[in-house]
C-alpha atoms as a PDB file:
ATOM      1  CA  MET A   1      27.536  73.770 -74.655  1.00  0.00           C
ATOM      2  CA  ASP A   2      31.242  74.527 -73.970  1.00  0.00           C
ATOM      3  CA  ALA A   3      32.662  76.384 -70.948  1.00  0.00           C
ATOM      4  CA  LYS A   4      33.095  79.648 -72.916  1.00  0.00           C
ATOM      5  CA  HIS A   5      29.406  79.646 -73.900  1.00  0.00           C
ATOM      6  CA  ILE A   6      28.352  78.781 -70.382  1.00  0.00           C
ATOM      7  CA  LYS A   7      30.451  81.575 -68.884  1.00  0.00           C
ATOM      8  CA  GLU A   8      29.078  84.059 -71.443  1.00  0.00           C
ATOM      9  CA  THR A   9      25.501  83.000 -70.666  1.00  0.00           C
ATOM     10  CA  LEU A  10      26.134  83.298 -66.912  1.00  0.00           C
ATOM     11  CA  SER A  11      27.616  86.749 -67.266  1.00  0.00           C
ATOM     12  CA  GLU A  12      24.458  87.855 -69.081  1.00  0.00           C
ATOM     13  CA  ILE A  13      21.791  86.274 -66.886  1.00  0.00           C
ATOM     14  CA  SER A  14      23.547  86.182 -63.550  1.00  0.00           C
ATOM     15  CA  PRO A  15      26.821  88.184 -63.320  1.00  0.00           C
ATOM     16  CA  GLU A  16      27.075  87.547 -59.602  1.00  0.00           C
ATOM     17  CA  THR A  17      27.356  83.779 -60.124  1.00  0.00           C
ATOM     18  CA  LEU A  18      30.709  82.410 -58.887  1.00  0.00           C
ATOM     19  CA  LEU A  19      32.905  80.045 -60.829  1.00  0.00           C
ATOM     20  CA  ALA A  20      35.360  77.402 -59.580  1.00  0.00           C
ATOM     21  CA  GLU A  21      38.663  78.726 -60.772  1.00  0.00           C
ATOM     22  CA  GLY A  22      40.803  76.402 -62.760  1.00  0.00           C
ATOM     23  CA  PHE A  23      38.045  73.891 -63.564  1.00  0.00           C
ATOM     24  CA  ASP A  24      36.831  75.150 -66.949  1.00  0.00           C
ATOM     25  CA  ASP A  25      37.240  71.594 -68.390  1.00  0.00           C
ATOM     26  CA  ALA A  26      34.662  70.401 -65.843  1.00  0.00           C
ATOM     27  CA  LEU A  27      32.068  73.216 -66.313  1.00  0.00           C
ATOM     28  CA  VAL A  28      28.998  71.510 -67.791  1.00  0.00           C
ATOM     29  CA  GLY A  29      26.016  73.751 -67.291  1.00  0.00           C
ATOM     30  CA  ILE A  30      23.880  76.171 -65.346  1.00  0.00           C
ATOM     31  CA  VAL A  31      21.603  75.285 -62.370  1.00  0.00           C
ATOM     32  CA  ARG A  32      18.686  77.320 -61.059  1.00  0.00           C
ATOM     33  CA  GLN A  33      17.199  76.918 -57.581  1.00  0.00           C
ATOM     34  CA  PHE A  34      14.424  79.295 -56.736  1.00  0.00           C
ATOM     35  CA  THR A  35      15.976  82.713 -57.358  1.00  0.00           C
ATOM     36  CA  HIS A  36      19.653  81.491 -57.345  1.00  0.00           C
ATOM     37  CA  THR A  37      21.669  80.703 -60.469  1.00  0.00           C
ATOM     38  CA  MET A  38      24.765  78.535 -60.073  1.00  0.00           C
ATOM     39  CA  ALA A  39      27.480  77.188 -62.368  1.00  0.00           C
ATOM     40  CA  LEU A  40      27.348  73.376 -62.552  1.00  0.00           C
ATOM     41  CA  TYR A  41      30.558  71.351 -62.588  1.00  0.00           C
ATOM     42  CA  ASP A  42      31.047  67.618 -63.115  1.00  0.00           C
ATOM     43  CA  TYR A  43      32.615  66.396 -59.875  1.00  0.00           C
ATOM     44  CA  GLU A  44      34.511  63.500 -61.432  1.00  0.00           C
ATOM     45  CA  LYS A  45      35.895  65.778 -64.201  1.00  0.00           C
ATOM     46  CA  CYS A  46      37.108  68.156 -61.466  1.00  0.00           C
ATOM     47  CA  VAL A  47      38.905  65.220 -59.869  1.00  0.00           C
ATOM     48  CA  GLU A  48      40.457  64.363 -63.244  1.00  0.00           C
ATOM     49  CA  VAL A  49      41.672  67.997 -63.559  1.00  0.00           C
ATOM     50  CA  LEU A  50      43.364  67.750 -60.172  1.00  0.00           C
ATOM     51  CA  ILE A  51      44.992  64.445 -61.111  1.00  0.00           C
ATOM     52  CA  GLU A  52      46.227  65.604 -64.481  1.00  0.00           C
ATOM     53  CA  ARG A  53      47.030  69.239 -63.743  1.00  0.00           C
ATOM     54  CA  ASP A  54      48.337  68.904 -60.171  1.00  0.00           C
ATOM     55  CA  GLY A  55      49.660  65.344 -60.168  1.00  0.00           C
ATOM     56  CA  MET A  56      47.383  64.201 -57.334  1.00  0.00           C
ATOM     57  CA  ASP A  57      46.393  60.625 -56.852  1.00  0.00           C
ATOM     58  CA  TYR A  58      42.648  59.843 -56.869  1.00  0.00           C
ATOM     59  CA  GLU A  59      42.197  59.785 -53.120  1.00  0.00           C
ATOM     60  CA  SER A  60      44.079  63.089 -52.607  1.00  0.00           C
ATOM     61  CA  ALA A  61      42.065  64.739 -55.420  1.00  0.00           C
ATOM     62  CA  VAL A  62      38.763  63.628 -53.830  1.00  0.00           C
ATOM     63  CA  GLU A  63      39.891  64.926 -50.426  1.00  0.00           C
ATOM     64  CA  PHE A  64      40.967  68.229 -52.017  1.00  0.00           C
ATOM     65  CA  MET A  65      37.581  68.531 -53.722  1.00  0.00           C
ATOM     66  CA  GLU A  66      35.658  67.848 -50.544  1.00  0.00           C
ATOM     67  CA  VAL A  67      37.579  70.201 -48.317  1.00  0.00           C
ATOM     68  CA  ASN A  68      38.650  73.033 -50.636  1.00  0.00           C
ATOM     69  CA  VAL A  69      36.153  73.072 -53.519  1.00  0.00           C
ATOM     70  CA  VAL A  70      32.760  71.525 -52.621  1.00  0.00           C
ATOM     71  CA  GLY A  71      33.285  72.526 -49.019  1.00  0.00           C
ATOM     72  CA  ALA A  72      33.999  76.154 -49.891  1.00  0.00           C
ATOM     73  CA  TRP A  73      30.626  77.799 -49.278  1.00  0.00           C
ATOM     74  CA  VAL A  74      30.727  81.469 -50.293  1.00  0.00           C
ATOM     75  CA  GLY A  75      27.051  82.256 -50.474  1.00  0.00           C
ATOM     76  CA  HIS A  76      24.083  81.409 -52.600  1.00  0.00           C
ATOM     77  CA  ASN A  77      26.068  81.862 -55.831  1.00  0.00           C
ATOM     78  CA  THR A  78      28.574  79.142 -54.918  1.00  0.00           C
ATOM     79  CA  PRO A  79      28.981  76.653 -57.730  1.00  0.00           C
ATOM     80  CA  ALA A  80      27.152  73.277 -57.635  1.00  0.00           C
ATOM     81  CA  PHE A  81      28.783  69.907 -58.385  1.00  0.00           C
ATOM     82  CA  THR A  82      27.299  66.657 -59.701  1.00  0.00           C
ATOM     83  CA  VAL A  83      27.035  63.790 -57.249  1.00  0.00           C
ATOM     84  CA  ILE A  84      29.754  61.163 -57.074  1.00  0.00           C
ATOM     85  CA  THR A  85      28.491  58.133 -58.869  1.00  0.00           C
ATOM     86  CA  GLN A  86      31.083  55.629 -57.880  1.00  0.00           C
END
């Protein structure tokens, strides 16, 4: 399933679901928890986006993700991210 299809599906089943802007290449699916639906992003792919798009090194990209993306709680529709596996 590509990002376009995931976004279309989310807009149909849960239009209030929030997306992580600028990370379409890392959008991998949809997560449900109880009554909440969330967009699911691959954390490491998000880091790769920051490295490639913004010219960050790995450590800076991880710090940015932790503080500004994963750490940006905006309610129950906040996107979810896969766990770091390294």
